[in-house]
Amino acid sequence: MITQMQNDILDTAQAMAQSRGFNGFSFRDLAAAVGIKPASIHYYFPTKGELGAALASRYTGRLVEILGDPSDGRLDALMARYIAVFRATLQDDGRMCLCGLMAAELDALPEAMQTEVARFVEANVSWVAAVLRAGTGLADGVEVRARARAIFAALEGAMLVARGSRDVAAFDAMVEVFTASGLIPNAKRVSEGQF
């Protein structure tokens, strides 16, 4: 069971990581922002790697909870929900996806964090692939997973470009292009047999 103080530490660390990158803050910075001594951070999270692994794990768990069952809904509604998760993160003070940022720093992260980042990527790809299978009737296979990976990568990239230009509307415009090009399926295309 996570304590309120652990939750406060994780919330603050997540905000710092999403705006500065995981390696852009220290336990001293984190302690000052939370209003406790650095030793107290070490009490709950002995190393920064353990803090990062806990952050990534919690972030993945929240994503899975928000997305829900990939077979529970229409393809267009499920894809809209998926896109909305990315957009909401970007719109919230111009933040980036936590695990996307961690992936950019992967070689500088401890092994436990690398494992959690890989779990986040797999959770995204598996969920989108399941949505595609359920919504299109395609059998599971390399093509479906490759398409799911491409959709995930496109949305992560759209976040990066939109943040770089400080323009959430840029994200929306890219999503429209992804949909118009057929990368992100919509109900009309699927019903016409265009996937």
Protein backbone atom coordinates (compact mmCIF):
# COMPACT_ATOMS: atom_id res chain seq x y z
CA MET A 1 0.00 0.00 0.00
CA ILE A 2 1.40 3.35 -1.02
CA THR A 3 1.45 6.06 1.65
CA GLN A 4 0.29 9.62 1.08
CA MET A 5 3.89 10.85 1.35
CA GLN A 6 5.05 8.33 -1.27
CA ASN A 7 2.22 9.47 -3.50
CA ASP A 8 3.19 13.13 -3.00
CA ILE A 9 6.81 12.32 -3.82
CA LEU A 10 5.80 10.39 -6.94
CA ASP A 11 3.42 13.13 -8.10
CA THR A 12 6.10 15.79 -7.70
CA ALA A 13 8.81 13.63 -9.29
CA GLN A 14 6.52 12.88 -12.24
CA ALA A 15 5.83 16.58 -12.84
CA MET A 16 9.57 17.32 -12.67
CA ALA A 17 10.47 14.43 -14.97
CA GLN A 18 7.81 15.37 -17.50
CA SER A 19 9.06 18.94 -17.70
CA ARG A 20 12.84 18.48 -17.21
CA GLY A 21 13.54 14.84 -18.00
CA PHE A 22 14.26 12.20 -15.37
CA ASN A 23 17.93 13.16 -15.12
CA GLY A 24 17.01 16.87 -14.88
CA PHE A 25 16.30 16.86 -11.14
CA SER A 26 17.97 15.60 -7.97
CA PHE A 27 16.64 14.23 -4.71
CA ARG A 28 17.51 17.64 -3.22
CA ASP A 29 15.32 19.37 -5.86
CA LEU A 30 12.54 16.88 -5.23
CA ALA A 31 12.72 17.22 -1.44
CA ALA A 32 12.56 21.02 -1.67
CA ALA A 33 9.50 20.84 -3.93
CA VAL A 34 7.73 18.36 -1.62
CA GLY A 35 8.78 20.29 1.51
CA ILE A 36 10.77 17.54 3.22
CA LYS A 37 14.45 16.72 3.79
CA PRO A 38 16.38 14.78 1.12
CA ALA A 39 16.93 11.97 3.64
CA SER A 40 13.17 11.51 3.77
CA ILE A 41 13.08 10.87 0.03
CA HIS A 42 15.75 8.18 0.54
CA TYR A 43 13.61 6.63 3.27
CA TYR A 44 10.81 5.96 0.78
CA PHE A 45 12.96 5.47 -2.33
CA PRO A 46 16.53 4.48 -1.42
CA THR A 47 17.85 5.23 -4.92
CA LYS A 48 16.77 7.42 -7.79
CA GLY A 49 16.52 4.27 -9.89
CA GLU A 50 13.95 2.82 -7.48
CA LEU A 51 12.02 6.08 -7.61
CA GLY A 52 12.11 6.01 -11.42
CA ALA A 53 10.99 2.38 -11.60
CA ALA A 54 8.09 3.15 -9.25
CA LEU A 55 7.15 6.19 -11.37
CA ALA A 56 7.18 4.23 -14.62
CA SER A 57 5.27 1.33 -13.09
CA ARG A 58 2.59 3.64 -11.69
CA TYR A 59 2.36 5.51 -15.01
CA THR A 60 1.85 2.26 -16.92
CA GLY A 61 -0.74 1.06 -14.41
CA ARG A 62 -2.69 4.29 -14.73
CA LEU A 63 -2.59 4.09 -18.52
CA VAL A 64 -3.90 0.53 -18.54
CA GLU A 65 -6.68 1.54 -16.14
CA ILE A 66 -7.69 4.58 -18.22
CA LEU A 67 -7.69 2.66 -21.49
CA GLY A 68 -9.71 -0.25 -20.15
CA ASP A 69 -10.69 -3.34 -22.09
CA PRO A 70 -9.56 -3.05 -25.73
CA SER A 71 -12.53 -5.11 -26.91
CA ASP A 72 -15.10 -3.04 -25.04
CA GLY A 73 -16.25 -0.51 -27.58
CA ARG A 74 -16.19 0.54 -31.20
CA LEU A 75 -12.88 0.99 -32.98
CA ASP A 76 -13.33 4.75 -33.49
CA ALA A 77 -14.30 5.34 -29.85
CA LEU A 78 -11.38 3.28 -28.53
CA MET A 79 -8.88 5.03 -30.80
CA ALA A 80 -10.35 8.41 -29.78
CA ARG A 81 -9.83 7.43 -26.12
CA TYR A 82 -6.23 6.44 -26.85
CA ILE A 83 -5.49 9.71 -28.66
CA ALA A 84 -7.17 11.68 -25.86
CA VAL A 85 -4.74 10.23 -23.31
CA PHE A 86 -1.78 11.61 -25.25
CA ARG A 87 -3.47 14.95 -25.88
CA ALA A 88 -4.45 15.41 -22.23
CA THR A 89 -0.86 14.83 -21.13
CA LEU A 90 0.40 17.38 -23.62
CA GLN A 91 -2.28 19.89 -22.74
CA ASP A 92 -1.48 19.57 -19.01
CA ASP A 93 1.19 22.28 -18.78
CA GLY A 94 2.80 21.13 -22.03
CA ARG A 95 4.04 17.90 -20.51
CA MET A 96 5.37 14.92 -22.40
CA CYS A 97 4.64 11.25 -21.87
CA LEU A 98 6.71 10.22 -18.84
CA CYS A 99 7.83 6.89 -20.26
CA GLY A 100 8.44 8.45 -23.67
CA LEU A 101 10.89 10.84 -22.02
CA MET A 102 12.45 7.98 -20.09
CA ALA A 103 12.86 6.04 -23.34
CA ALA A 104 14.84 8.96 -24.74
CA GLU A 105 17.20 8.65 -21.75
CA LEU A 106 17.17 4.84 -21.72
CA ASP A 107 20.92 4.24 -21.81
CA ALA A 108 21.38 6.49 -18.78
CA LEU A 109 18.72 4.70 -16.71
CA PRO A 110 19.14 1.82 -14.26
CA GLU A 111 18.03 -1.62 -15.44
CA ALA A 112 14.86 -1.63 -13.32
CA MET A 113 13.72 1.57 -15.03
CA GLN A 114 14.58 0.21 -18.47
CA THR A 115 12.40 -2.81 -17.69
CA GLU A 116 9.48 -0.59 -16.68
CA VAL A 117 9.84 1.57 -19.80
CA ALA A 118 9.77 -1.59 -21.93
CA ARG A 119 6.64 -2.69 -20.06
CA PHE A 120 5.00 0.66 -20.87
CA VAL A 121 5.83 0.30 -24.57
CA GLU A 122 4.49 -3.26 -24.60
CA ALA A 123 1.29 -2.18 -22.81
CA ASN A 124 0.66 0.43 -25.51
CA VAL A 125 1.45 -1.84 -28.44
CA SER A 126 -0.58 -4.74 -27.03
CA TRP A 127 -3.62 -2.56 -26.29
CA VAL A 128 -3.64 -0.91 -29.72
CA ALA A 129 -3.08 -4.29 -31.43
CA ALA A 130 -6.03 -5.74 -29.51
CA VAL A 131 -8.19 -2.78 -30.55
CA LEU A 132 -7.18 -3.27 -34.18
CA ARG A 133 -7.90 -7.01 -34.04
CA ALA A 134 -11.31 -6.52 -32.41
CA GLY A 135 -12.29 -3.57 -34.60
CA THR A 136 -11.11 -4.88 -37.94
CA GLY A 137 -11.38 -8.63 -37.62
CA LEU A 138 -7.73 -9.04 -38.63
CA ALA A 139 -5.91 -11.99 -37.16
CA ASP A 140 -3.11 -11.35 -34.70
CA GLY A 141 0.21 -11.22 -36.39
CA VAL A 142 3.26 -9.22 -37.27
CA GLU A 143 1.27 -6.76 -39.41
CA VAL A 144 -1.17 -5.87 -36.64
CA ARG A 145 1.60 -5.40 -34.05
CA ALA A 146 3.66 -3.37 -36.52
CA ARG A 147 0.66 -1.14 -37.18
CA ALA A 148 0.05 -0.77 -33.44
CA ARG A 149 3.70 0.14 -32.90
CA ALA A 150 3.50 2.73 -35.70
CA ILE A 151 0.37 4.33 -34.17
CA PHE A 152 2.05 4.50 -30.75
CA ALA A 153 5.23 5.98 -32.27
CA ALA A 154 3.25 8.52 -34.30
CA LEU A 155 1.42 9.81 -31.23
CA GLU A 156 4.61 9.99 -29.14
CA GLY A 157 6.26 11.90 -32.00
CA ALA A 158 3.28 14.21 -32.42
CA MET A 159 3.55 15.08 -28.72
CA LEU A 160 7.23 15.91 -29.15
CA VAL A 161 6.66 18.15 -32.17
CA ALA A 162 3.69 19.89 -30.56
CA ARG A 163 5.62 20.50 -27.36
CA GLY A 164 8.59 21.82 -29.32
CA SER A 165 6.33 24.35 -31.02
CA ARG A 166 4.33 24.94 -27.80
CA ASP A 167 1.14 24.36 -29.78
CA VAL A 168 -1.39 21.69 -28.82
CA ALA A 169 -3.23 22.44 -32.07
CA ALA A 170 -0.19 21.03 -33.90
CA PHE A 171 -0.86 17.70 -32.20
CA ASP A 172 -4.47 17.78 -33.38
CA ALA A 173 -3.41 18.62 -36.93
CA MET A 174 -0.95 15.70 -36.99
CA VAL A 175 -3.61 13.31 -35.68
CA GLU A 176 -5.90 14.45 -38.52
CA VAL A 177 -3.13 13.66 -41.03
CA PHE A 178 -2.51 10.26 -39.41
CA THR A 179 -6.21 9.47 -39.71
CA ALA A 180 -6.59 10.83 -43.25
CA SER A 181 -3.57 8.82 -44.38
CA GLY A 182 -5.03 5.65 -42.88
CA LEU A 183 -2.35 5.13 -40.24
CA ILE A 184 -4.94 5.60 -37.50
CA PRO A 185 -8.08 3.82 -38.61
CA ASN A 186 -11.48 5.36 -38.25
CA ALA A 187 -14.84 3.61 -38.40
CA LYS A 188 -15.63 4.86 -41.93
CA ARG A 189 -12.43 3.46 -43.45
CA VAL A 190 -12.82 0.12 -41.69
CA SER A 191 -16.42 -0.25 -42.83
CA GLU A 192 -15.31 0.45 -46.41
CA GLY A 193 -12.66 -2.24 -46.16
CA GLN A 194 -9.81 0.26 -46.21
CA PHE A 195 -7.34 -0.44 -43.46
